[in-house]
Amino acid sequence: MTAALEEIVLHPSDPLLLAFRMMALGGAALYALGVVAGAFGSHRVIPRERLVALTIGALLLIFGGDLDGVYLVVALNVVFLGALVVEHPRIEGPSAQEG
């Protein structure tokens, strides 16, 4: 992920090469799967929204070769933020009300 972000910072208005998009996908996948594992470990709930966001992000990164790198990063962040907003009440809501 870091190499892809560095490439975007150096060439923000250029399309991101496939190799860098795959690096970004790898970083996003590791992050999302880590969040899924953490949520399951602490709440015994699988955050399906995060897996859907990862799938959408993967499709965006695989097929978004014509988009500028900055737009890809913004779109990926919007997708994951949307997943967070949707999943938070479902996962944290019941446990927050107990304590």
PDB file of N, CA and C in Angstrom:
ATOM      1  N   MET A   1       0.824  -1.189   0.000  1.00  0.00           N
ATOM      2  CA  MET A   1       0.000   0.000   0.000  1.00  0.00           C
ATOM      3  C   MET A   1       0.868   1.252   0.000  1.00  0.00           C
ATOM      4  N   THR A   2       1.952   1.231   0.750  1.00  0.00           N
ATOM      5  CA  THR A   2       2.805   2.411   0.862  1.00  0.00           C
ATOM      6  C   THR A   2       3.434   2.773  -0.470  1.00  0.00           C
ATOM      7  N   ALA A   3       3.869   1.775  -1.224  1.00  0.00           N
ATOM      8  CA  ALA A   3       4.474   2.049  -2.531  1.00  0.00           C
ATOM      9  C   ALA A   3       3.453   2.665  -3.478  1.00  0.00           C
ATOM     10  N   ALA A   4       2.218   2.194  -3.420  1.00  0.00           N
ATOM     11  CA  ALA A   4       1.166   2.757  -4.264  1.00  0.00           C
ATOM     12  C   ALA A   4       0.875   4.202  -3.875  1.00  0.00           C
ATOM     13  N   LEU A   5       0.815   4.477  -2.576  1.00  0.00           N
ATOM     14  CA  LEU A   5       0.575   5.853  -2.128  1.00  0.00           C
ATOM     15  C   LEU A   5       1.730   6.770  -2.506  1.00  0.00           C
ATOM     16  N   GLU A   6       2.953   6.262  -2.425  1.00  0.00           N
ATOM     17  CA  GLU A   6       4.107   7.067  -2.831  1.00  0.00           C
ATOM     18  C   GLU A   6       4.033   7.396  -4.317  1.00  0.00           C
ATOM     19  N   GLU A   7       3.643   6.432  -5.125  1.00  0.00           N
ATOM     20  CA  GLU A   7       3.507   6.662  -6.564  1.00  0.00           C
ATOM     21  C   GLU A   7       2.421   7.698  -6.839  1.00  0.00           C
ATOM     22  N   ILE A   8       1.347   7.656  -6.089  1.00  0.00           N
ATOM     23  CA  ILE A   8       0.265   8.624  -6.271  1.00  0.00           C
ATOM     24  C   ILE A   8       0.726  10.021  -5.880  1.00  0.00           C
ATOM     25  N   VAL A   9       1.486  10.133  -4.799  1.00  0.00           N
ATOM     26  CA  VAL A   9       1.983  11.441  -4.365  1.00  0.00           C
ATOM     27  C   VAL A   9       2.943  12.018  -5.400  1.00  0.00           C
ATOM     28  N   LEU A  10       3.783  11.174  -5.977  1.00  0.00           N
ATOM     29  CA  LEU A  10       4.749  11.654  -6.968  1.00  0.00           C
ATOM     30  C   LEU A  10       4.094  12.017  -8.294  1.00  0.00           C
ATOM     31  N   HIS A  11       3.034  11.295  -8.672  1.00  0.00           N
ATOM     32  CA  HIS A  11       2.362  11.523  -9.960  1.00  0.00           C
ATOM     33  C   HIS A  11       0.846  11.522  -9.750  1.00  0.00           C
ATOM     34  N   PRO A  12       0.312  12.553  -9.103  1.00  0.00           N
ATOM     35  CA  PRO A  12      -1.106  12.528  -8.721  1.00  0.00           C
ATOM     36  C   PRO A  12      -2.093  12.530  -9.885  1.00  0.00           C
ATOM     37  N   SER A  13      -1.725  13.097 -11.010  1.00  0.00           N
ATOM     38  CA  SER A  13      -2.682  13.185 -12.115  1.00  0.00           C
ATOM     39  C   SER A  13      -2.486  12.089 -13.152  1.00  0.00           C
ATOM     40  N   ASP A  14      -1.604  11.132 -12.879  1.00  0.00           N
ATOM     41  CA  ASP A  14      -1.377  10.024 -13.807  1.00  0.00           C
ATOM     42  C   ASP A  14      -2.183   8.807 -13.367  1.00  0.00           C
ATOM     43  N   PRO A  15      -2.628   8.010 -14.351  1.00  0.00           N
ATOM     44  CA  PRO A  15      -3.270   6.742 -13.980  1.00  0.00           C
ATOM     45  C   PRO A  15      -2.276   5.848 -13.237  1.00  0.00           C
ATOM     46  N   LEU A  16      -2.764   5.079 -12.310  1.00  0.00           N
ATOM     47  CA  LEU A  16      -1.923   4.207 -11.498  1.00  0.00           C
ATOM     48  C   LEU A  16      -1.711   2.889 -12.239  1.00  0.00           C
ATOM     49  N   LEU A  17      -0.466   2.482 -12.370  1.00  0.00           N
ATOM     50  CA  LEU A  17      -0.149   1.235 -13.062  1.00  0.00           C
ATOM     51  C   LEU A  17      -0.738   0.039 -12.321  1.00  0.00           C
ATOM     52  N   LEU A  18      -0.957  -1.046 -13.049  1.00  0.00           N
ATOM     53  CA  LEU A  18      -1.571  -2.236 -12.477  1.00  0.00           C
ATOM     54  C   LEU A  18      -0.789  -2.763 -11.274  1.00  0.00           C
ATOM     55  N   ALA A  19       0.536  -2.759 -11.356  1.00  0.00           N
ATOM     56  CA  ALA A  19       1.341  -3.271 -10.240  1.00  0.00           C
ATOM     57  C   ALA A  19       1.082  -2.471  -8.964  1.00  0.00           C
ATOM     58  N   PHE A  20       0.990  -1.163  -9.080  1.00  0.00           N
ATOM     59  CA  PHE A  20       0.728  -0.332  -7.903  1.00  0.00           C
ATOM     60  C   PHE A  20      -0.711  -0.499  -7.409  1.00  0.00           C
ATOM     61  N   ARG A  21      -1.645  -0.703  -8.338  1.00  0.00           N
ATOM     62  CA  ARG A  21      -3.031  -0.944  -7.924  1.00  0.00           C
ATOM     63  C   ARG A  21      -3.141  -2.257  -7.157  1.00  0.00           C
ATOM     64  N   MET A  22      -2.377  -3.266  -7.585  1.00  0.00           N
ATOM     65  CA  MET A  22      -2.395  -4.547  -6.878  1.00  0.00           C
ATOM     66  C   MET A  22      -1.738  -4.426  -5.499  1.00  0.00           C
ATOM     67  N   MET A  23      -0.714  -3.573  -5.389  1.00  0.00           N
ATOM     68  CA  MET A  23      -0.109  -3.325  -4.073  1.00  0.00           C
ATOM     69  C   MET A  23      -1.122  -2.656  -3.147  1.00  0.00           C
ATOM     70  N   ALA A  24      -1.865  -1.701  -3.685  1.00  0.00           N
ATOM     71  CA  ALA A  24      -2.894  -1.029  -2.886  1.00  0.00           C
ATOM     72  C   ALA A  24      -3.982  -2.019  -2.482  1.00  0.00           C
ATOM     73  N   LEU A  25      -4.347  -2.900  -3.394  1.00  0.00           N
ATOM     74  CA  LEU A  25      -5.355  -3.910  -3.087  1.00  0.00           C
ATOM     75  C   LEU A  25      -4.866  -4.844  -1.985  1.00  0.00           C
ATOM     76  N   GLY A  26      -3.610  -5.233  -2.051  1.00  0.00           N
ATOM     77  CA  GLY A  26      -3.056  -6.090  -1.004  1.00  0.00           C
ATOM     78  C   GLY A  26      -3.096  -5.425   0.358  1.00  0.00           C
ATOM     79  N   GLY A  27      -2.721  -4.149   0.408  1.00  0.00           N
ATOM     80  CA  GLY A  27      -2.761  -3.422   1.677  1.00  0.00           C
ATOM     81  C   GLY A  27      -4.176  -3.262   2.199  1.00  0.00           C
ATOM     82  N   ALA A  28      -5.106  -2.930   1.302  1.00  0.00           N
ATOM     83  CA  ALA A  28      -6.505  -2.771   1.714  1.00  0.00           C
ATOM     84  C   ALA A  28      -7.084  -4.103   2.189  1.00  0.00           C
ATOM     85  N   ALA A  29      -6.711  -5.186   1.514  1.00  0.00           N
ATOM     86  CA  ALA A  29      -7.212  -6.508   1.903  1.00  0.00           C
ATOM     87  C   ALA A  29      -6.687  -6.913   3.278  1.00  0.00           C
ATOM     88  N   LEU A  30      -5.407  -6.694   3.516  1.00  0.00           N
ATOM     89  CA  LEU A  30      -4.849  -7.037   4.828  1.00  0.00           C
ATOM     90  C   LEU A  30      -5.501  -6.208   5.933  1.00  0.00           C
ATOM     91  N   TYR A  31      -5.716  -4.934   5.661  1.00  0.00           N
ATOM     92  CA  TYR A  31      -6.379  -4.063   6.643  1.00  0.00           C
ATOM     93  C   TYR A  31      -7.801  -4.561   6.930  1.00  0.00           C
ATOM     94  N   ALA A  32      -8.569  -4.784   5.860  1.00  0.00           N
ATOM     95  CA  ALA A  32      -9.969  -5.178   6.036  1.00  0.00           C
ATOM     96  C   ALA A  32     -10.081  -6.530   6.735  1.00  0.00           C
ATOM     97  N   LEU A  33      -9.242  -7.476   6.355  1.00  0.00           N
ATOM     98  CA  LEU A  33      -9.295  -8.790   6.990  1.00  0.00           C
ATOM     99  C   LEU A  33      -8.854  -8.715   8.454  1.00  0.00           C
ATOM    100  N   GLY A  34      -7.932  -7.807   8.755  1.00  0.00           N
ATOM    101  CA  GLY A  34      -7.544  -7.590  10.151  1.00  0.00           C
ATOM    102  C   GLY A  34      -8.686  -7.030  10.973  1.00  0.00           C
ATOM    103  N   VAL A  35      -9.446  -6.110  10.397  1.00  0.00           N
ATOM    104  CA  VAL A  35     -10.608  -5.551  11.095  1.00  0.00           C
ATOM    105  C   VAL A  35     -11.671  -6.628  11.296  1.00  0.00           C
ATOM    106  N   VAL A  36     -11.879  -7.458  10.272  1.00  0.00           N
ATOM    107  CA  VAL A  36     -12.850  -8.548  10.389  1.00  0.00           C
ATOM    108  C   VAL A  36     -12.438  -9.498  11.512  1.00  0.00           C
ATOM    109  N   ALA A  37     -11.167  -9.863  11.551  1.00  0.00           N
ATOM    110  CA  ALA A  37     -10.676 -10.766  12.601  1.00  0.00           C
ATOM    111  C   ALA A  37     -10.809 -10.124  13.983  1.00  0.00           C
ATOM    112  N   GLY A  38     -10.493  -8.843  14.087  1.00  0.00           N
ATOM    113  CA  GLY A  38     -10.617  -8.150  15.369  1.00  0.00           C
ATOM    114  C   GLY A  38     -12.054  -8.048  15.840  1.00  0.00           C
ATOM    115  N   ALA A  39     -12.961  -7.738  14.925  1.00  0.00           N
ATOM    116  CA  ALA A  39     -14.378  -7.641  15.294  1.00  0.00           C
ATOM    117  C   ALA A  39     -14.927  -9.001  15.698  1.00  0.00           C
ATOM    118  N   PHE A  40     -14.499 -10.031  14.994  1.00  0.00           N
ATOM    119  CA  PHE A  40     -14.964 -11.370  15.360  1.00  0.00           C
ATOM    120  C   PHE A  40     -14.399 -11.790  16.715  1.00  0.00           C
ATOM    121  N   GLY A  41     -13.146 -11.464  16.940  1.00  0.00           N
ATOM    122  CA  GLY A  41     -12.529 -11.828  18.209  1.00  0.00           C
ATOM    123  C   GLY A  41     -13.127 -11.111  19.408  1.00  0.00           C
ATOM    124  N   SER A  42     -13.511  -9.868  19.230  1.00  0.00           N
ATOM    125  CA  SER A  42     -14.018  -9.105  20.372  1.00  0.00           C
ATOM    126  C   SER A  42     -15.535  -9.132  20.513  1.00  0.00           C
ATOM    127  N   HIS A  43     -16.262  -9.243  19.401  1.00  0.00           N
ATOM    128  CA  HIS A  43     -17.728  -9.170  19.460  1.00  0.00           C
ATOM    129  C   HIS A  43     -18.424 -10.430  18.950  1.00  0.00           C
ATOM    130  N   ARG A  44     -17.659 -11.376  18.413  1.00  0.00           N
ATOM    131  CA  ARG A  44     -18.216 -12.588  17.804  1.00  0.00           C
ATOM    132  C   ARG A  44     -19.211 -12.261  16.688  1.00  0.00           C
ATOM    133  N   VAL A  45     -18.889 -11.225  15.920  1.00  0.00           N
ATOM    134  CA  VAL A  45     -19.701 -10.796  14.785  1.00  0.00           C
ATOM    135  C   VAL A  45     -18.772 -10.625  13.596  1.00  0.00           C
ATOM    136  N   ILE A  46     -19.211 -11.081  12.437  1.00  0.00           N
ATOM    137  CA  ILE A  46     -18.429 -10.869  11.220  1.00  0.00           C
ATOM    138  C   ILE A  46     -18.959  -9.615  10.538  1.00  0.00           C
ATOM    139  N   PRO A  47     -18.122  -8.589  10.381  1.00  0.00           N
ATOM    140  CA  PRO A  47     -18.579  -7.359   9.716  1.00  0.00           C
ATOM    141  C   PRO A  47     -18.678  -7.561   8.202  1.00  0.00           C
ATOM    142  N   ARG A  48     -19.838  -8.018   7.761  1.00  0.00           N
ATOM    143  CA  ARG A  48     -20.053  -8.287   6.336  1.00  0.00           C
ATOM    144  C   ARG A  48     -19.869  -7.027   5.498  1.00  0.00           C
ATOM    145  N   GLU A  49     -20.204  -5.884   6.086  1.00  0.00           N
ATOM    146  CA  GLU A  49     -20.069  -4.625   5.349  1.00  0.00           C
ATOM    147  C   GLU A  49     -18.620  -4.387   4.943  1.00  0.00           C
ATOM    148  N   ARG A  50     -17.699  -4.757   5.804  1.00  0.00           N
ATOM    149  CA  ARG A  50     -16.279  -4.560   5.509  1.00  0.00           C
ATOM    150  C   ARG A  50     -15.850  -5.475   4.360  1.00  0.00           C
ATOM    151  N   LEU A  51     -16.389  -6.692   4.317  1.00  0.00           N
ATOM    152  CA  LEU A  51     -16.069  -7.611   3.225  1.00  0.00           C
ATOM    153  C   LEU A  51     -16.669  -7.120   1.906  1.00  0.00           C
ATOM    154  N   VAL A  52     -17.862  -6.542   1.976  1.00  0.00           N
ATOM    155  CA  VAL A  52     -18.468  -5.954   0.774  1.00  0.00           C
ATOM    156  C   VAL A  52     -17.631  -4.767   0.302  1.00  0.00           C
ATOM    157  N   ALA A  53     -17.182  -3.940   1.238  1.00  0.00           N
ATOM    158  CA  ALA A  53     -16.335  -2.797   0.882  1.00  0.00           C
ATOM    159  C   ALA A  53     -15.035  -3.265   0.245  1.00  0.00           C
ATOM    160  N   LEU A  54     -14.472  -4.348   0.765  1.00  0.00           N
ATOM    161  CA  LEU A  54     -13.246  -4.888   0.178  1.00  0.00           C
ATOM    162  C   LEU A  54     -13.497  -5.375  -1.242  1.00  0.00           C
ATOM    163  N   THR A  55     -14.625  -6.017  -1.470  1.00  0.00           N
ATOM    164  CA  THR A  55     -14.965  -6.483  -2.817  1.00  0.00           C
ATOM    165  C   THR A  55     -15.148  -5.309  -3.774  1.00  0.00           C
ATOM    166  N   ILE A  56     -15.857  -4.281  -3.334  1.00  0.00           N
ATOM    167  CA  ILE A  56     -16.043  -3.086  -4.172  1.00  0.00           C
ATOM    168  C   ILE A  56     -14.704  -2.411  -4.432  1.00  0.00           C
ATOM    169  N   GLY A  57     -13.882  -2.295  -3.397  1.00  0.00           N
ATOM    170  CA  GLY A  57     -12.557  -1.702  -3.559  1.00  0.00           C
ATOM    171  C   GLY A  57     -11.687  -2.500  -4.506  1.00  0.00           C
ATOM    172  N   ALA A  58     -11.774  -3.828  -4.429  1.00  0.00           N
ATOM    173  CA  ALA A  58     -10.992  -4.679  -5.331  1.00  0.00           C
ATOM    174  C   ALA A  58     -11.422  -4.462  -6.776  1.00  0.00           C
ATOM    175  N   LEU A  59     -12.720  -4.425  -7.009  1.00  0.00           N
ATOM    176  CA  LEU A  59     -13.210  -4.177  -8.367  1.00  0.00           C
ATOM    177  C   LEU A  59     -12.780  -2.802  -8.861  1.00  0.00           C
ATOM    178  N   LEU A  60     -12.844  -1.830  -7.979  1.00  0.00           N
ATOM    179  CA  LEU A  60     -12.429  -0.472  -8.330  1.00  0.00           C
ATOM    180  C   LEU A  60     -10.947  -0.430  -8.699  1.00  0.00           C
ATOM    181  N   LEU A  61     -10.116  -1.090  -7.906  1.00  0.00           N
ATOM    182  CA  LEU A  61      -8.677  -1.072  -8.174  1.00  0.00           C
ATOM    183  C   LEU A  61      -8.310  -1.915  -9.395  1.00  0.00           C
ATOM    184  N   ILE A  62      -9.002  -3.014  -9.607  1.00  0.00           N
ATOM    185  CA  ILE A  62      -8.682  -3.866 -10.756  1.00  0.00           C
ATOM    186  C   ILE A  62      -9.104  -3.204 -12.058  1.00  0.00           C
ATOM    187  N   PHE A  63     -10.309  -2.652 -12.078  1.00  0.00           N
ATOM    188  CA  PHE A  63     -10.840  -2.106 -13.328  1.00  0.00           C
ATOM    189  C   PHE A  63     -10.721  -0.587 -13.440  1.00  0.00           C
ATOM    190  N   GLY A  64     -10.134   0.074 -12.443  1.00  0.00           N
ATOM    191  CA  GLY A  64     -10.024   1.528 -12.467  1.00  0.00           C
ATOM    192  C   GLY A  64      -8.707   2.031 -13.022  1.00  0.00           C
ATOM    193  N   GLY A  65      -8.163   1.342 -13.992  1.00  0.00           N
ATOM    194  CA  GLY A  65      -6.862   1.710 -14.541  1.00  0.00           C
ATOM    195  C   GLY A  65      -6.832   3.063 -15.228  1.00  0.00           C
ATOM    196  N   ASP A  66      -7.976   3.534 -15.705  1.00  0.00           N
ATOM    197  CA  ASP A  66      -8.012   4.816 -16.410  1.00  0.00           C
ATOM    198  C   ASP A  66      -8.141   6.005 -15.462  1.00  0.00           C
ATOM    199  N   LEU A  67      -8.464   5.747 -14.213  1.00  0.00           N
ATOM    200  CA  LEU A  67      -8.635   6.837 -13.247  1.00  0.00           C
ATOM    201  C   LEU A  67      -7.291   7.306 -12.707  1.00  0.00           C
ATOM    202  N   ASP A  68      -7.228   8.585 -12.378  1.00  0.00           N
ATOM    203  CA  ASP A  68      -6.026   9.108 -11.719  1.00  0.00           C
ATOM    204  C   ASP A  68      -5.876   8.440 -10.358  1.00  0.00           C
ATOM    205  N   GLY A  69      -4.636   8.332  -9.903  1.00  0.00           N
ATOM    206  CA  GLY A  69      -4.361   7.687  -8.630  1.00  0.00           C
ATOM    207  C   GLY A  69      -5.060   8.343  -7.459  1.00  0.00           C
ATOM    208  N   VAL A  70      -5.131   9.667  -7.486  1.00  0.00           N
ATOM    209  CA  VAL A  70      -5.787  10.390  -6.391  1.00  0.00           C
ATOM    210  C   VAL A  70      -7.266  10.018  -6.318  1.00  0.00           C
ATOM    211  N   TYR A  71      -7.916   9.919  -7.468  1.00  0.00           N
ATOM    212  CA  TYR A  71      -9.328   9.554  -7.476  1.00  0.00           C
ATOM    213  C   TYR A  71      -9.537   8.136  -6.948  1.00  0.00           C
ATOM    214  N   LEU A  72      -8.617   7.237  -7.266  1.00  0.00           N
ATOM    215  CA  LEU A  72      -8.721   5.872  -6.756  1.00  0.00           C
ATOM    216  C   LEU A  72      -8.625   5.835  -5.233  1.00  0.00           C
ATOM    217  N   VAL A  73      -7.678   6.580  -4.685  1.00  0.00           N
ATOM    218  CA  VAL A  73      -7.510   6.596  -3.226  1.00  0.00           C
ATOM    219  C   VAL A  73      -8.730   7.214  -2.552  1.00  0.00           C
ATOM    220  N   VAL A  74      -9.237   8.299  -3.102  1.00  0.00           N
ATOM    221  CA  VAL A  74     -10.428   8.938  -2.525  1.00  0.00           C
ATOM    222  C   VAL A  74     -11.619   7.984  -2.596  1.00  0.00           C
ATOM    223  N   ALA A  75     -11.806   7.338  -3.743  1.00  0.00           N
ATOM    224  CA  ALA A  75     -12.925   6.407  -3.892  1.00  0.00           C
ATOM    225  C   ALA A  75     -12.802   5.234  -2.924  1.00  0.00           C
ATOM    226  N   LEU A  76     -11.603   4.716  -2.758  1.00  0.00           N
ATOM    227  CA  LEU A  76     -11.386   3.604  -1.832  1.00  0.00           C
ATOM    228  C   LEU A  76     -11.698   4.022  -0.395  1.00  0.00           C
ATOM    229  N   ASN A  77     -11.285   5.218  -0.024  1.00  0.00           N
ATOM    230  CA  ASN A  77     -11.574   5.720   1.325  1.00  0.00           C
ATOM    231  C   ASN A  77     -13.064   5.952   1.534  1.00  0.00           C
ATOM    232  N   VAL A  78     -13.748   6.451   0.520  1.00  0.00           N
ATOM    233  CA  VAL A  78     -15.194   6.668   0.630  1.00  0.00           C
ATOM    234  C   VAL A  78     -15.920   5.334   0.810  1.00  0.00           C
ATOM    235  N   VAL A  79     -15.494   4.315   0.068  1.00  0.00           N
ATOM    236  CA  VAL A  79     -16.117   2.992   0.183  1.00  0.00           C
ATOM    237  C   VAL A  79     -15.935   2.441   1.593  1.00  0.00           C
ATOM    238  N   PHE A  80     -14.708   2.516   2.121  1.00  0.00           N
ATOM    239  CA  PHE A  80     -14.466   1.986   3.463  1.00  0.00           C
ATOM    240  C   PHE A  80     -15.136   2.832   4.548  1.00  0.00           C
ATOM    241  N   LEU A  81     -15.230   4.132   4.353  1.00  0.00           N
ATOM    242  CA  LEU A  81     -15.943   4.977   5.308  1.00  0.00           C
ATOM    243  C   LEU A  81     -17.433   4.640   5.317  1.00  0.00           C
ATOM    244  N   GLY A  82     -17.984   4.411   4.130  1.00  0.00           N
ATOM    245  CA  GLY A  82     -19.389   4.006   4.056  1.00  0.00           C
ATOM    246  C   GLY A  82     -19.644   2.698   4.787  1.00  0.00           C
ATOM    247  N   ALA A  83     -18.720   1.752   4.638  1.00  0.00           N
ATOM    248  CA  ALA A  83     -18.860   0.475   5.349  1.00  0.00           C
ATOM    249  C   ALA A  83     -18.813   0.688   6.855  1.00  0.00           C
ATOM    250  N   LEU A  84     -17.929   1.559   7.305  1.00  0.00           N
ATOM    251  CA  LEU A  84     -17.807   1.838   8.737  1.00  0.00           C
ATOM    252  C   LEU A  84     -19.087   2.450   9.294  1.00  0.00           C
ATOM    253  N   VAL A  85     -19.656   3.393   8.558  1.00  0.00           N
ATOM    254  CA  VAL A  85     -20.883   4.060   9.012  1.00  0.00           C
ATOM    255  C   VAL A  85     -22.038   3.061   9.108  1.00  0.00           C
ATOM    256  N   VAL A  86     -22.110   2.136   8.157  1.00  0.00           N
ATOM    257  CA  VAL A  86     -23.205   1.167   8.152  1.00  0.00           C
ATOM    258  C   VAL A  86     -22.997   0.085   9.207  1.00  0.00           C
ATOM    259  N   GLU A  87     -21.756  -0.375   9.371  1.00  0.00           N
ATOM    260  CA  GLU A  87     -21.524  -1.507  10.272  1.00  0.00           C
ATOM    261  C   GLU A  87     -21.447  -1.111  11.747  1.00  0.00           C
ATOM    262  N   HIS A  88     -21.096   0.113  12.041  1.00  0.00           N
ATOM    263  CA  HIS A  88     -20.888   0.505  13.440  1.00  0.00           C
ATOM    264  C   HIS A  88     -22.117   0.282  14.322  1.00  0.00           C
ATOM    265  N   PRO A  89     -23.301   0.744  13.927  1.00  0.00           N
ATOM    266  CA  PRO A  89     -24.463   0.520  14.804  1.00  0.00           C
ATOM    267  C   PRO A  89     -24.782  -0.966  14.993  1.00  0.00           C
ATOM    268  N   ARG A  90     -24.543  -1.771  13.963  1.00  0.00           N
ATOM    269  CA  ARG A  90     -24.860  -3.193  14.058  1.00  0.00           C
ATOM    270  C   ARG A  90     -23.888  -3.919  14.981  1.00  0.00           C
ATOM    271  N   ILE A  91     -22.616  -3.568  14.919  1.00  0.00           N
ATOM    272  CA  ILE A  91     -21.600  -4.286  15.689  1.00  0.00           C
ATOM    273  C   ILE A  91     -21.400  -3.673  17.071  1.00  0.00           C
ATOM    274  N   GLU A  92     -21.224  -2.378  17.138  1.00  0.00           N
ATOM    275  CA  GLU A  92     -20.937  -1.720  18.418  1.00  0.00           C
ATOM    276  C   GLU A  92     -22.197  -1.392  19.208  1.00  0.00           C
ATOM    277  N   GLY A  93     -23.314  -1.248  18.531  1.00  0.00           N
ATOM    278  CA  GLY A  93     -24.537  -0.844  19.205  1.00  0.00           C
ATOM    279  C   GLY A  93     -24.935  -1.725  20.370  1.00  0.00           C
ATOM    280  N   PRO A  94     -25.105  -3.037  20.164  1.00  0.00           N
ATOM    281  CA  PRO A  94     -25.520  -3.891  21.282  1.00  0.00           C
ATOM    282  C   PRO A  94     -24.519  -3.908  22.436  1.00  0.00           C
ATOM    283  N   SER A  95     -23.231  -3.956  22.138  1.00  0.00           N
ATOM    284  CA  SER A  95     -22.243  -4.021  23.221  1.00  0.00           C
ATOM    285  C   SER A  95     -22.114  -2.683  23.939  1.00  0.00           C
ATOM    286  N   ALA A  96     -22.338  -1.581  23.239  1.00  0.00           N
ATOM    287  CA  ALA A  96     -22.256  -0.266  23.876  1.00  0.00           C
ATOM    288  C   ALA A  96     -23.430  -0.058  24.835  1.00  0.00           C
ATOM    289  N   GLN A  97     -24.577  -0.645  24.532  1.00  0.00           N
ATOM    290  CA  GLN A  97     -25.749  -0.485  25.388  1.00  0.00           C
ATOM    291  C   GLN A  97     -25.671  -1.360  26.638  1.00  0.00           C
ATOM    292  N   GLU A  98     -24.891  -2.448  26.568  1.00  0.00           N
ATOM    293  CA  GLU A  98     -24.764  -3.341  27.722  1.00  0.00           C
ATOM    294  C   GLU A  98     -23.965  -2.700  28.846  1.00  0.00           C
ATOM    295  N   GLY A  99     -22.891  -1.958  28.476  1.00  0.00           N
ATOM    296  CA  GLY A  99     -21.983  -1.437  29.488  1.00  0.00           C
ATOM    297  C   GLY A  99     -22.388  -0.112  29.959  1.00  0.00           C
TER     298      GLY A  99
END
